[in-house]
Amino acid sequence: MKLITLSFSVFLFLLFCVSCEEEGLDLEYNTYTKEGYAIMSQYLDLPEEPLTYMDQFPRHVRSPLRGNFVHDSNVATLGRVLFYDQNLSADGTISCASCHHQHLAFADDKAFSDGVSGRTTDRNSLALGAVFSFRAHYSGVRIPLFWDNRAFSLRAQMEETFANRKEMNMSMEDVLNAVQAQPYYEPLFQAAYRESVLNSRQILHAIT
């Protein structure tokens, strides 16, 4: 009995010592490796830890299914970089943001937006700030996209936009090659998907 009591006392003492020691531990968790962040910092102005992204709908359009939608911050950060990257166009001059300006509800103030090689689009750019309509895709509602309603998913819309010869003029294989050619994408994809092999599915998912 004395042996059990002594053992238990020793156990409590060791537990107390460990718990006290842990208060002085300098535990650090980083989304990116130091090497990865150093590479990214040469090209991008991003914080060491991703911003928190969350869309919040006005009260008059909320429901039990449409309240707040919390995004994966690493995927959202990757999508943000892809959205502003002009390297994903055939002549390296056009990004998604070129025709969808944040200060204009992600629309354009031109009747026809500028595309690659000096071309102009056939229609005015849709305002991507209509987040409620786009959010409906997450709850299974099929809302047609483009002015002629020819696309029924954000993925289909993006693939067509990349491929349009007047807009970005890039196949998804071209987009993937362009992404793989930029050294700052590997740490972003690693943080978002925990995979070193990049693919076009991830690209479309991140922008969505």
N, C-alpha and C. Protein backbone atom coordinates (compact mmCIF):
# COMPACT_ATOMS: atom_id res chain seq x y z
N MET A 1 0.84 -1.19 0.00
CA MET A 1 0.00 0.00 0.00
C MET A 1 0.88 1.26 0.00
N LYS A 2 1.96 1.21 0.84
CA LYS A 2 2.87 2.35 0.89
C LYS A 2 3.55 2.56 -0.46
N LEU A 3 3.85 1.43 -1.13
CA LEU A 3 4.51 1.51 -2.42
C LEU A 3 3.61 2.20 -3.44
N ILE A 4 2.31 1.85 -3.41
CA ILE A 4 1.35 2.46 -4.34
C ILE A 4 1.23 3.95 -4.06
N THR A 5 1.15 4.29 -2.74
CA THR A 5 1.03 5.71 -2.36
C THR A 5 2.25 6.50 -2.80
N LEU A 6 3.43 5.90 -2.61
CA LEU A 6 4.67 6.56 -3.00
C LEU A 6 4.73 6.76 -4.51
N SER A 7 4.35 5.72 -5.27
CA SER A 7 4.37 5.80 -6.73
C SER A 7 3.43 6.90 -7.23
N PHE A 8 2.23 6.94 -6.62
CA PHE A 8 1.25 7.95 -7.02
C PHE A 8 1.76 9.36 -6.70
N SER A 9 2.45 9.50 -5.57
CA SER A 9 3.00 10.80 -5.18
C SER A 9 4.08 11.24 -6.17
N VAL A 10 4.93 10.29 -6.55
CA VAL A 10 5.97 10.60 -7.53
C VAL A 10 5.35 11.01 -8.86
N PHE A 11 4.29 10.29 -9.26
CA PHE A 11 3.60 10.60 -10.51
C PHE A 11 3.02 12.02 -10.49
N LEU A 12 2.39 12.39 -9.36
CA LEU A 12 1.83 13.73 -9.24
C LEU A 12 2.92 14.80 -9.29
N PHE A 13 4.04 14.50 -8.63
CA PHE A 13 5.15 15.45 -8.62
C PHE A 13 5.70 15.66 -10.03
N LEU A 14 5.89 14.57 -10.76
CA LEU A 14 6.39 14.68 -12.13
C LEU A 14 5.41 15.41 -13.03
N LEU A 15 4.12 15.13 -12.84
CA LEU A 15 3.08 15.81 -13.63
C LEU A 15 3.10 17.30 -13.36
N PHE A 16 3.29 17.66 -12.08
CA PHE A 16 3.35 19.08 -11.72
C PHE A 16 4.56 19.75 -12.36
N CYS A 17 5.70 19.07 -12.34
CA CYS A 17 6.91 19.63 -12.93
C CYS A 17 6.76 19.85 -14.43
N VAL A 18 6.17 18.86 -15.11
CA VAL A 18 5.97 18.96 -16.55
C VAL A 18 5.02 20.09 -16.89
N SER A 19 3.93 20.20 -16.12
CA SER A 19 2.94 21.25 -16.40
C SER A 19 3.54 22.64 -16.18
N CYS A 20 4.40 22.77 -15.18
CA CYS A 20 5.05 24.06 -14.94
C CYS A 20 6.02 24.37 -16.06
N GLU A 21 6.71 23.35 -16.54
CA GLU A 21 7.70 23.55 -17.59
C GLU A 21 7.03 23.95 -18.90
N GLU A 22 5.83 23.42 -19.14
CA GLU A 22 5.15 23.69 -20.41
C GLU A 22 4.79 25.16 -20.55
N GLU A 23 4.63 25.86 -19.40
CA GLU A 23 4.28 27.27 -19.48
C GLU A 23 5.40 28.07 -20.14
N GLY A 24 6.61 27.57 -20.06
CA GLY A 24 7.72 28.30 -20.64
C GLY A 24 8.05 27.85 -22.05
N LEU A 25 7.34 26.86 -22.58
CA LEU A 25 7.61 26.36 -23.92
C LEU A 25 7.21 27.40 -24.96
N ASP A 26 8.01 27.54 -25.99
CA ASP A 26 7.71 28.46 -27.07
C ASP A 26 7.22 27.64 -28.26
N LEU A 27 5.94 27.29 -28.22
CA LEU A 27 5.36 26.49 -29.28
C LEU A 27 4.97 27.40 -30.43
N GLU A 28 5.32 27.00 -31.64
CA GLU A 28 5.05 27.84 -32.80
C GLU A 28 4.50 26.98 -33.92
N TYR A 29 3.40 27.44 -34.53
CA TYR A 29 2.83 26.73 -35.67
C TYR A 29 2.78 27.69 -36.84
N ASN A 30 3.33 27.30 -37.94
CA ASN A 30 3.33 28.14 -39.12
C ASN A 30 2.61 27.43 -40.26
N THR A 31 1.78 28.20 -40.99
CA THR A 31 1.10 27.65 -42.15
C THR A 31 2.11 27.29 -43.24
N TYR A 32 3.09 28.17 -43.44
CA TYR A 32 4.11 27.94 -44.46
C TYR A 32 5.45 27.64 -43.78
N THR A 33 6.28 26.90 -44.46
CA THR A 33 7.64 26.71 -43.96
C THR A 33 8.40 28.03 -44.14
N LYS A 34 9.48 28.18 -43.40
CA LYS A 34 10.27 29.41 -43.53
C LYS A 34 10.80 29.56 -44.95
N GLU A 35 11.20 28.45 -45.53
CA GLU A 35 11.72 28.49 -46.89
C GLU A 35 10.60 28.87 -47.88
N GLY A 36 9.42 28.26 -47.68
CA GLY A 36 8.30 28.54 -48.56
C GLY A 36 7.85 29.98 -48.49
N TYR A 37 7.78 30.52 -47.25
CA TYR A 37 7.35 31.91 -47.09
C TYR A 37 8.39 32.86 -47.65
N ALA A 38 9.66 32.51 -47.54
CA ALA A 38 10.72 33.36 -48.10
C ALA A 38 10.59 33.45 -49.62
N ILE A 39 10.27 32.32 -50.25
CA ILE A 39 10.07 32.32 -51.70
C ILE A 39 8.86 33.16 -52.07
N MET A 40 7.74 32.95 -51.36
CA MET A 40 6.52 33.70 -51.64
C MET A 40 6.73 35.20 -51.49
N SER A 41 7.50 35.59 -50.48
CA SER A 41 7.69 37.01 -50.16
C SER A 41 8.43 37.76 -51.26
N GLN A 42 9.13 37.02 -52.11
CA GLN A 42 9.81 37.67 -53.23
C GLN A 42 8.83 38.14 -54.30
N TYR A 43 7.63 37.55 -54.29
CA TYR A 43 6.66 37.85 -55.34
C TYR A 43 5.33 38.41 -54.80
N LEU A 44 4.95 38.00 -53.60
CA LEU A 44 3.63 38.31 -53.08
C LEU A 44 3.72 39.04 -51.75
N ASP A 45 2.75 39.89 -51.49
CA ASP A 45 2.66 40.59 -50.22
C ASP A 45 1.56 39.94 -49.38
N LEU A 46 1.89 38.81 -48.77
CA LEU A 46 0.93 38.04 -47.99
C LEU A 46 1.40 37.95 -46.54
N PRO A 47 0.47 37.93 -45.58
CA PRO A 47 0.86 37.76 -44.18
C PRO A 47 1.36 36.34 -43.94
N GLU A 48 2.10 36.16 -42.86
CA GLU A 48 2.64 34.83 -42.55
C GLU A 48 1.54 33.84 -42.25
N GLU A 49 0.44 34.30 -41.69
CA GLU A 49 -0.72 33.45 -41.46
C GLU A 49 -1.88 33.99 -42.30
N PRO A 50 -2.63 33.13 -43.00
CA PRO A 50 -3.71 33.60 -43.87
C PRO A 50 -4.77 34.39 -43.12
N LEU A 51 -5.36 35.34 -43.81
CA LEU A 51 -6.48 36.08 -43.24
C LEU A 51 -7.67 35.14 -43.07
N THR A 52 -8.58 35.48 -42.20
CA THR A 52 -9.79 34.69 -42.00
C THR A 52 -10.86 35.18 -42.96
N TYR A 53 -11.34 34.30 -43.80
CA TYR A 53 -12.35 34.65 -44.78
C TYR A 53 -13.70 34.06 -44.37
N MET A 54 -14.73 34.89 -44.36
CA MET A 54 -16.07 34.41 -44.05
C MET A 54 -17.07 35.33 -44.73
N ASP A 55 -18.04 34.76 -45.45
CA ASP A 55 -19.08 35.62 -46.02
C ASP A 55 -20.29 35.63 -45.08
N GLN A 56 -20.87 36.78 -44.92
CA GLN A 56 -22.01 36.97 -44.02
C GLN A 56 -23.12 37.67 -44.79
N PHE A 57 -24.26 37.00 -44.89
CA PHE A 57 -25.36 37.55 -45.67
C PHE A 57 -26.21 38.49 -44.84
N PRO A 58 -26.81 39.50 -45.47
CA PRO A 58 -27.73 40.39 -44.75
C PRO A 58 -28.87 39.59 -44.13
N ARG A 59 -29.43 40.14 -43.06
CA ARG A 59 -30.46 39.43 -42.31
C ARG A 59 -31.66 39.07 -43.18
N HIS A 60 -32.01 39.94 -44.13
CA HIS A 60 -33.22 39.69 -44.92
C HIS A 60 -33.09 38.53 -45.90
N VAL A 61 -31.86 38.04 -46.13
CA VAL A 61 -31.71 36.89 -47.01
C VAL A 61 -31.17 35.67 -46.26
N ARG A 62 -31.09 35.75 -44.95
CA ARG A 62 -30.60 34.61 -44.19
C ARG A 62 -31.69 33.57 -43.97
N SER A 63 -31.27 32.36 -43.79
CA SER A 63 -32.15 31.25 -43.46
C SER A 63 -31.32 30.23 -42.72
N PRO A 64 -31.93 29.17 -42.18
CA PRO A 64 -31.12 28.14 -41.52
C PRO A 64 -30.04 27.57 -42.42
N LEU A 65 -30.27 27.57 -43.74
CA LEU A 65 -29.29 27.03 -44.67
C LEU A 65 -28.31 28.09 -45.16
N ARG A 66 -28.72 29.36 -45.08
CA ARG A 66 -27.86 30.43 -45.58
C ARG A 66 -27.62 31.45 -44.47
N GLY A 67 -26.71 31.14 -43.59
CA GLY A 67 -26.34 32.09 -42.55
C GLY A 67 -24.95 32.59 -42.86
N ASN A 68 -23.99 32.14 -42.10
CA ASN A 68 -22.59 32.47 -42.38
C ASN A 68 -21.91 31.24 -42.95
N PHE A 69 -21.05 31.47 -43.93
CA PHE A 69 -20.34 30.34 -44.54
C PHE A 69 -18.85 30.55 -44.34
N VAL A 70 -18.23 29.71 -43.55
CA VAL A 70 -16.81 29.85 -43.23
C VAL A 70 -15.98 29.09 -44.26
N HIS A 71 -15.05 29.79 -44.87
CA HIS A 71 -14.19 29.18 -45.88
C HIS A 71 -12.89 28.71 -45.25
N ASP A 72 -12.25 27.76 -45.90
CA ASP A 72 -10.90 27.38 -45.52
C ASP A 72 -9.98 28.52 -45.90
N SER A 73 -9.33 29.13 -44.92
CA SER A 73 -8.53 30.33 -45.18
C SER A 73 -7.36 30.06 -46.11
N ASN A 74 -6.77 28.88 -46.05
CA ASN A 74 -5.65 28.56 -46.93
C ASN A 74 -6.10 28.43 -48.37
N VAL A 75 -7.25 27.80 -48.59
CA VAL A 75 -7.78 27.66 -49.95
C VAL A 75 -8.21 29.03 -50.48
N ALA A 76 -8.83 29.84 -49.60
CA ALA A 76 -9.26 31.18 -50.02
C ALA A 76 -8.07 32.06 -50.38
N THR A 77 -6.98 31.94 -49.63
CA THR A 77 -5.78 32.71 -49.95
C THR A 77 -5.22 32.31 -51.30
N LEU A 78 -5.16 31.01 -51.55
CA LEU A 78 -4.71 30.52 -52.86
C LEU A 78 -5.62 31.04 -53.96
N GLY A 79 -6.93 30.96 -53.76
CA GLY A 79 -7.87 31.45 -54.75
C GLY A 79 -7.69 32.93 -55.02
N ARG A 80 -7.41 33.69 -53.98
CA ARG A 80 -7.18 35.13 -54.13
C ARG A 80 -5.97 35.40 -55.01
N VAL A 81 -4.88 34.67 -54.79
CA VAL A 81 -3.67 34.86 -55.60
C VAL A 81 -3.95 34.49 -57.05
N LEU A 82 -4.64 33.37 -57.27
CA LEU A 82 -4.99 32.95 -58.63
C LEU A 82 -5.85 34.00 -59.32
N PHE A 83 -6.78 34.59 -58.58
CA PHE A 83 -7.73 35.56 -59.13
C PHE A 83 -7.02 36.81 -59.65
N TYR A 84 -5.90 37.18 -59.02
CA TYR A 84 -5.19 38.41 -59.40
C TYR A 84 -3.95 38.15 -60.26
N ASP A 85 -3.72 36.92 -60.66
CA ASP A 85 -2.49 36.57 -61.36
C ASP A 85 -2.63 36.71 -62.87
N GLN A 86 -1.91 37.66 -63.45
CA GLN A 86 -1.95 37.87 -64.90
C GLN A 86 -1.20 36.79 -65.68
N ASN A 87 -0.38 36.01 -65.00
CA ASN A 87 0.34 34.92 -65.66
C ASN A 87 -0.59 33.85 -66.20
N LEU A 88 -1.85 33.87 -65.77
CA LEU A 88 -2.79 32.83 -66.19
C LEU A 88 -3.54 33.22 -67.45
N SER A 89 -3.01 34.14 -68.22
CA SER A 89 -3.56 34.50 -69.52
C SER A 89 -2.51 34.29 -70.60
N ALA A 90 -2.95 34.19 -71.85
CA ALA A 90 -2.04 33.81 -72.93
C ALA A 90 -0.90 34.80 -73.14
N ASP A 91 -1.15 36.10 -72.94
CA ASP A 91 -0.09 37.09 -73.14
C ASP A 91 0.42 37.68 -71.83
N GLY A 92 -0.04 37.15 -70.70
CA GLY A 92 0.45 37.59 -69.40
C GLY A 92 0.01 38.99 -69.01
N THR A 93 -1.13 39.45 -69.53
CA THR A 93 -1.59 40.81 -69.22
C THR A 93 -2.95 40.84 -68.54
N ILE A 94 -3.66 39.72 -68.50
CA ILE A 94 -5.05 39.70 -68.02
C ILE A 94 -5.20 38.70 -66.87
N SER A 95 -5.86 39.13 -65.82
CA SER A 95 -6.24 38.24 -64.72
C SER A 95 -7.76 38.26 -64.59
N CYS A 96 -8.29 37.44 -63.71
CA CYS A 96 -9.73 37.49 -63.43
C CYS A 96 -10.10 38.89 -62.94
N ALA A 97 -9.21 39.48 -62.13
CA ALA A 97 -9.47 40.79 -61.54
C ALA A 97 -9.41 41.91 -62.56
N SER A 98 -8.85 41.66 -63.74
CA SER A 98 -8.78 42.70 -64.76
C SER A 98 -10.17 43.12 -65.22
N CYS A 99 -11.10 42.17 -65.19
CA CYS A 99 -12.48 42.45 -65.63
C CYS A 99 -13.47 42.48 -64.46
N HIS A 100 -12.98 42.13 -63.27
CA HIS A 100 -13.83 42.10 -62.08
C HIS A 100 -13.12 42.86 -60.96
N HIS A 101 -13.37 44.16 -60.88
CA HIS A 101 -12.68 45.04 -59.95
C HIS A 101 -13.38 45.04 -58.59
N GLN A 102 -12.59 44.85 -57.55
CA GLN A 102 -13.17 44.75 -56.21
C GLN A 102 -13.97 45.99 -55.83
N HIS A 103 -13.45 47.19 -56.18
CA HIS A 103 -14.13 48.43 -55.78
C HIS A 103 -15.41 48.68 -56.59
N LEU A 104 -15.66 47.82 -57.59
CA LEU A 104 -16.89 47.94 -58.40
C LEU A 104 -17.77 46.70 -58.21
N ALA A 105 -17.78 46.17 -56.99
CA ALA A 105 -18.53 44.93 -56.70
C ALA A 105 -18.05 43.79 -57.59
N PHE A 106 -16.76 43.80 -57.90
CA PHE A 106 -16.15 42.80 -58.78
C PHE A 106 -16.80 42.79 -60.16
N ALA A 107 -17.09 43.98 -60.67
CA ALA A 107 -17.60 44.16 -62.03
C ALA A 107 -16.62 45.05 -62.79
N ASP A 108 -17.03 45.52 -63.96
CA ASP A 108 -16.22 46.42 -64.76
C ASP A 108 -17.04 47.64 -65.11
N ASP A 109 -16.39 48.77 -65.27
CA ASP A 109 -17.12 49.99 -65.62
C ASP A 109 -17.05 50.28 -67.12
N LYS A 110 -16.68 49.26 -67.88
CA LYS A 110 -16.66 49.38 -69.34
C LYS A 110 -17.77 48.51 -69.93
N ALA A 111 -18.29 48.94 -71.05
CA ALA A 111 -19.32 48.13 -71.72
C ALA A 111 -18.74 46.78 -72.12
N PHE A 112 -17.50 46.79 -72.63
CA PHE A 112 -16.81 45.56 -73.02
C PHE A 112 -15.40 45.60 -72.43
N SER A 113 -15.07 44.57 -71.69
CA SER A 113 -13.80 44.55 -70.97
C SER A 113 -12.63 44.27 -71.90
N ASP A 114 -11.44 44.66 -71.47
CA ASP A 114 -10.22 44.39 -72.23
C ASP A 114 -9.79 42.94 -72.00
N GLY A 115 -9.43 42.29 -73.09
CA GLY A 115 -8.95 40.91 -73.01
C GLY A 115 -7.53 40.80 -73.53
N VAL A 116 -7.09 39.58 -73.81
CA VAL A 116 -5.72 39.35 -74.28
C VAL A 116 -5.53 39.90 -75.69
N SER A 117 -4.28 40.22 -75.99
CA SER A 117 -3.87 40.64 -77.34
C SER A 117 -4.69 41.81 -77.87
N GLY A 118 -5.11 42.71 -76.99
CA GLY A 118 -5.85 43.89 -77.41
C GLY A 118 -7.29 43.63 -77.79
N ARG A 119 -7.79 42.44 -77.55
CA ARG A 119 -9.18 42.12 -77.90
C ARG A 119 -10.12 42.61 -76.81
N THR A 120 -11.39 42.70 -77.12
CA THR A 120 -12.41 43.09 -76.14
C THR A 120 -13.46 41.99 -76.06
N THR A 121 -14.08 41.89 -74.90
CA THR A 121 -15.09 40.85 -74.67
C THR A 121 -16.37 41.15 -75.44
N ASP A 122 -17.20 40.15 -75.60
CA ASP A 122 -18.47 40.31 -76.32
C ASP A 122 -19.56 40.93 -75.46
N ARG A 123 -19.43 40.77 -74.13
CA ARG A 123 -20.45 41.27 -73.23
C ARG A 123 -19.79 41.96 -72.03
N ASN A 124 -20.59 42.71 -71.31
CA ASN A 124 -20.12 43.35 -70.08
C ASN A 124 -19.86 42.30 -69.02
N SER A 125 -18.84 42.52 -68.18
CA SER A 125 -18.50 41.56 -67.13
C SER A 125 -19.55 41.55 -66.03
N LEU A 126 -19.94 40.36 -65.62
CA LEU A 126 -20.90 40.22 -64.53
C LEU A 126 -20.28 40.69 -63.21
N ALA A 127 -21.12 41.21 -62.33
CA ALA A 127 -20.67 41.63 -61.00
C ALA A 127 -20.57 40.42 -60.09
N LEU A 128 -19.36 40.00 -59.80
CA LEU A 128 -19.18 38.84 -58.92
C LEU A 128 -19.56 39.16 -57.48
N GLY A 129 -19.82 40.44 -57.20
CA GLY A 129 -20.26 40.82 -55.87
C GLY A 129 -21.66 40.34 -55.54
N ALA A 130 -22.34 39.74 -56.52
CA ALA A 130 -23.66 39.17 -56.26
C ALA A 130 -23.48 37.83 -55.55
N VAL A 131 -22.88 37.90 -54.36
CA VAL A 131 -22.47 36.67 -53.67
C VAL A 131 -23.64 35.78 -53.28
N PHE A 132 -24.80 36.36 -53.05
CA PHE A 132 -25.92 35.53 -52.63
C PHE A 132 -26.30 34.55 -53.75
N SER A 133 -26.31 35.02 -54.97
CA SER A 133 -26.64 34.15 -56.09
C SER A 133 -25.62 33.05 -56.26
N PHE A 134 -24.33 33.40 -56.12
CA PHE A 134 -23.29 32.40 -56.26
C PHE A 134 -23.30 31.43 -55.09
N ARG A 135 -23.62 31.92 -53.90
CA ARG A 135 -23.67 31.07 -52.71
C ARG A 135 -24.71 29.99 -52.84
N ALA A 136 -25.75 30.23 -53.66
CA ALA A 136 -26.82 29.25 -53.79
C ALA A 136 -26.32 27.92 -54.32
N HIS A 137 -25.20 27.92 -55.02
CA HIS A 137 -24.66 26.67 -55.55
C HIS A 137 -24.28 25.71 -54.42
N TYR A 138 -23.91 26.25 -53.27
CA TYR A 138 -23.50 25.39 -52.16
C TYR A 138 -24.69 24.65 -51.56
N SER A 139 -25.89 25.17 -51.73
CA SER A 139 -27.05 24.49 -51.15
C SER A 139 -27.82 23.69 -52.20
N GLY A 140 -27.19 23.47 -53.35
CA GLY A 140 -27.78 22.60 -54.35
C GLY A 140 -28.70 23.29 -55.34
N VAL A 141 -28.84 24.61 -55.25
CA VAL A 141 -29.69 25.33 -56.20
C VAL A 141 -28.87 25.65 -57.44
N ARG A 142 -29.41 25.32 -58.60
CA ARG A 142 -28.70 25.55 -59.86
C ARG A 142 -29.13 26.89 -60.45
N ILE A 143 -28.27 27.87 -60.35
CA ILE A 143 -28.53 29.19 -60.90
C ILE A 143 -27.65 29.37 -62.13
N PRO A 144 -28.22 29.63 -63.28
CA PRO A 144 -27.40 29.77 -64.50
C PRO A 144 -26.51 31.00 -64.45
N LEU A 145 -25.34 30.88 -65.07
CA LEU A 145 -24.34 31.94 -65.08
C LEU A 145 -24.06 32.38 -66.53
N PHE A 146 -23.35 33.46 -66.67
CA PHE A 146 -23.17 34.18 -67.93
C PHE A 146 -24.50 34.86 -68.30
N TRP A 147 -24.40 35.87 -69.14
CA TRP A 147 -25.61 36.62 -69.52
C TRP A 147 -26.59 35.75 -70.30
N ASP A 148 -26.10 34.76 -71.02
CA ASP A 148 -27.02 33.88 -71.78
C ASP A 148 -27.35 32.60 -71.01
N ASN A 149 -26.97 32.53 -69.74
CA ASN A 149 -27.33 31.41 -68.85
C ASN A 149 -26.83 30.06 -69.35
N ARG A 150 -25.67 30.04 -70.00
CA ARG A 150 -25.23 28.77 -70.59
C ARG A 150 -24.44 27.90 -69.63
N ALA A 151 -24.02 28.44 -68.48
CA ALA A 151 -23.25 27.65 -67.51
C ALA A 151 -24.05 27.45 -66.24
N PHE A 152 -24.00 26.26 -65.70
CA PHE A 152 -24.77 25.94 -64.49
C PHE A 152 -23.88 25.62 -63.30
N SER A 153 -22.61 25.96 -63.40
CA SER A 153 -21.72 25.80 -62.25
C SER A 153 -20.60 26.82 -62.37
N LEU A 154 -20.03 27.19 -61.22
CA LEU A 154 -18.91 28.13 -61.23
C LEU A 154 -17.71 27.53 -61.94
N ARG A 155 -17.53 26.23 -61.80
CA ARG A 155 -16.40 25.57 -62.47
C ARG A 155 -16.53 25.69 -63.98
N ALA A 156 -17.75 25.44 -64.51
CA ALA A 156 -17.96 25.56 -65.95
C ALA A 156 -17.74 26.98 -66.42
N GLN A 157 -18.19 27.93 -65.63
CA GLN A 157 -18.00 29.34 -65.99
C GLN A 157 -16.52 29.68 -66.06
N MET A 158 -15.74 29.25 -65.08
CA MET A 158 -14.32 29.58 -65.05
C MET A 158 -13.56 28.92 -66.19
N GLU A 159 -13.88 27.67 -66.47
CA GLU A 159 -13.21 26.98 -67.57
C GLU A 159 -13.46 27.71 -68.89
N GLU A 160 -14.69 28.16 -69.11
CA GLU A 160 -15.02 28.88 -70.34
C GLU A 160 -14.31 30.23 -70.39
N THR A 161 -14.22 30.89 -69.25
CA THR A 161 -13.56 32.19 -69.20
C THR A 161 -12.07 32.05 -69.52
N PHE A 162 -11.41 31.06 -68.94
CA PHE A 162 -10.01 30.81 -69.25
C PHE A 162 -9.83 30.53 -70.74
N ALA A 163 -10.72 29.73 -71.30
CA ALA A 163 -10.56 29.26 -72.68
C ALA A 163 -10.98 30.29 -73.72
N ASN A 164 -11.81 31.26 -73.35
CA ASN A 164 -12.31 32.25 -74.31
C ASN A 164 -11.14 32.99 -74.95
N ARG A 165 -11.07 32.96 -76.27
CA ARG A 165 -9.91 33.54 -76.97
C ARG A 165 -9.85 35.05 -76.84
N LYS A 166 -10.98 35.69 -76.50
CA LYS A 166 -10.98 37.13 -76.32
C LYS A 166 -10.72 37.54 -74.87
N GLU A 167 -10.80 36.59 -73.97
CA GLU A 167 -10.64 36.92 -72.55
C GLU A 167 -9.25 36.52 -72.04
N MET A 168 -9.02 35.22 -71.83
CA MET A 168 -7.71 34.80 -71.32
C MET A 168 -7.01 33.83 -72.27
N ASN A 169 -7.78 33.13 -73.11
CA ASN A 169 -7.24 32.29 -74.18
C ASN A 169 -6.29 31.21 -73.67
N MET A 170 -6.74 30.51 -72.62
CA MET A 170 -5.90 29.47 -72.01
C MET A 170 -6.73 28.21 -71.77
N SER A 171 -6.22 27.06 -72.22
CA SER A 171 -6.84 25.80 -71.82
C SER A 171 -6.47 25.53 -70.38
N MET A 172 -7.16 24.60 -69.74
CA MET A 172 -6.81 24.29 -68.36
C MET A 172 -5.42 23.69 -68.27
N GLU A 173 -4.98 23.01 -69.31
CA GLU A 173 -3.60 22.50 -69.31
C GLU A 173 -2.61 23.67 -69.34
N ASP A 174 -2.95 24.70 -70.13
CA ASP A 174 -2.10 25.90 -70.18
C ASP A 174 -2.07 26.58 -68.80
N VAL A 175 -3.23 26.68 -68.16
CA VAL A 175 -3.31 27.31 -66.84
C VAL A 175 -2.47 26.54 -65.84
N LEU A 176 -2.58 25.22 -65.86
CA LEU A 176 -1.81 24.39 -64.94
C LEU A 176 -0.31 24.58 -65.16
N ASN A 177 0.10 24.62 -66.42
CA ASN A 177 1.52 24.82 -66.73
C ASN A 177 2.00 26.19 -66.24
N ALA A 178 1.14 27.21 -66.39
CA ALA A 178 1.50 28.55 -65.95
C ALA A 178 1.64 28.60 -64.42
N VAL A 179 0.75 27.90 -63.73
CA VAL A 179 0.82 27.84 -62.27
C VAL A 179 2.09 27.11 -61.82
N GLN A 180 2.38 25.99 -62.45
CA GLN A 180 3.56 25.21 -62.08
C GLN A 180 4.86 25.96 -62.36
N ALA A 181 4.82 26.92 -63.27
CA ALA A 181 6.02 27.68 -63.61
C ALA A 181 6.34 28.77 -62.60
N GLN A 182 5.39 29.08 -61.73
CA GLN A 182 5.59 30.15 -60.74
C GLN A 182 5.99 29.53 -59.39
N PRO A 183 7.16 29.89 -58.86
CA PRO A 183 7.66 29.26 -57.63
C PRO A 183 6.82 29.55 -56.39
N TYR A 184 6.03 30.63 -56.39
CA TYR A 184 5.26 30.98 -55.20
C TYR A 184 4.02 30.13 -55.01
N TYR A 185 3.66 29.32 -56.00
CA TYR A 185 2.43 28.53 -55.85
C TYR A 185 2.60 27.26 -55.04
N GLU A 186 3.79 26.67 -55.06
CA GLU A 186 3.97 25.40 -54.34
C GLU A 186 3.64 25.50 -52.85
N PRO A 187 4.17 26.51 -52.11
CA PRO A 187 3.79 26.60 -50.70
C PRO A 187 2.32 26.92 -50.49
N LEU A 188 1.70 27.66 -51.42
CA LEU A 188 0.27 27.97 -51.31
C LEU A 188 -0.57 26.72 -51.48
N PHE A 189 -0.25 25.91 -52.48
CA PHE A 189 -0.99 24.67 -52.71
C PHE A 189 -0.74 23.67 -51.59
N GLN A 190 0.49 23.64 -51.08
CA GLN A 190 0.80 22.73 -49.98
C GLN A 190 -0.03 23.07 -48.75
N ALA A 191 -0.18 24.37 -48.45
CA ALA A 191 -0.97 24.80 -47.30
C ALA A 191 -2.45 24.53 -47.51
N ALA A 192 -2.91 24.69 -48.75
CA ALA A 192 -4.34 24.54 -49.05
C ALA A 192 -4.78 23.08 -49.13
N TYR A 193 -3.96 22.24 -49.77
CA TYR A 193 -4.39 20.87 -50.06
C TYR A 193 -3.47 19.79 -49.50
N ARG A 194 -2.37 20.20 -48.86
CA ARG A 194 -1.42 19.24 -48.28
C ARG A 194 -0.91 18.27 -49.35
N GLU A 195 -0.79 18.77 -50.57
CA GLU A 195 -0.29 17.94 -51.67
C GLU A 195 0.78 18.71 -52.43
N SER A 196 1.81 18.01 -52.85
CA SER A 196 2.86 18.65 -53.62
C SER A 196 2.58 18.61 -55.12
N VAL A 197 1.67 17.74 -55.53
CA VAL A 197 1.30 17.62 -56.94
C VAL A 197 0.09 18.51 -57.21
N LEU A 198 0.24 19.46 -58.12
CA LEU A 198 -0.84 20.39 -58.42
C LEU A 198 -1.67 19.85 -59.58
N ASN A 199 -2.96 20.20 -59.61
CA ASN A 199 -3.81 19.82 -60.73
C ASN A 199 -4.86 20.89 -60.98
N SER A 200 -5.49 20.82 -62.15
CA SER A 200 -6.45 21.85 -62.56
C SER A 200 -7.70 21.83 -61.68
N ARG A 201 -8.04 20.68 -61.13
CA ARG A 201 -9.21 20.60 -60.24
C ARG A 201 -9.02 21.49 -59.02
N GLN A 202 -7.82 21.47 -58.47
CA GLN A 202 -7.52 22.31 -57.31
C GLN A 202 -7.59 23.79 -57.68
N ILE A 203 -7.08 24.13 -58.85
CA ILE A 203 -7.10 25.52 -59.30
C ILE A 203 -8.53 26.05 -59.36
N LEU A 204 -9.41 25.29 -60.00
CA LEU A 204 -10.80 25.71 -60.14
C LEU A 204 -11.51 25.75 -58.78
N HIS A 205 -11.20 24.79 -57.93
CA HIS A 205 -11.81 24.75 -56.60
C HIS A 205 -11.40 25.96 -55.78
N ALA A 206 -10.13 26.33 -55.83
CA ALA A 206 -9.64 27.47 -55.04
C ALA A 206 -10.28 28.77 -55.50
N ILE A 207 -10.40 28.98 -56.80
CA ILE A 207 -11.03 30.21 -57.29
C ILE A 207 -12.51 30.23 -56.93
N THR A 208 -13.17 29.09 -57.00
CA THR A 208 -14.57 29.01 -56.60
C THR A 208 -14.74 29.41 -55.14
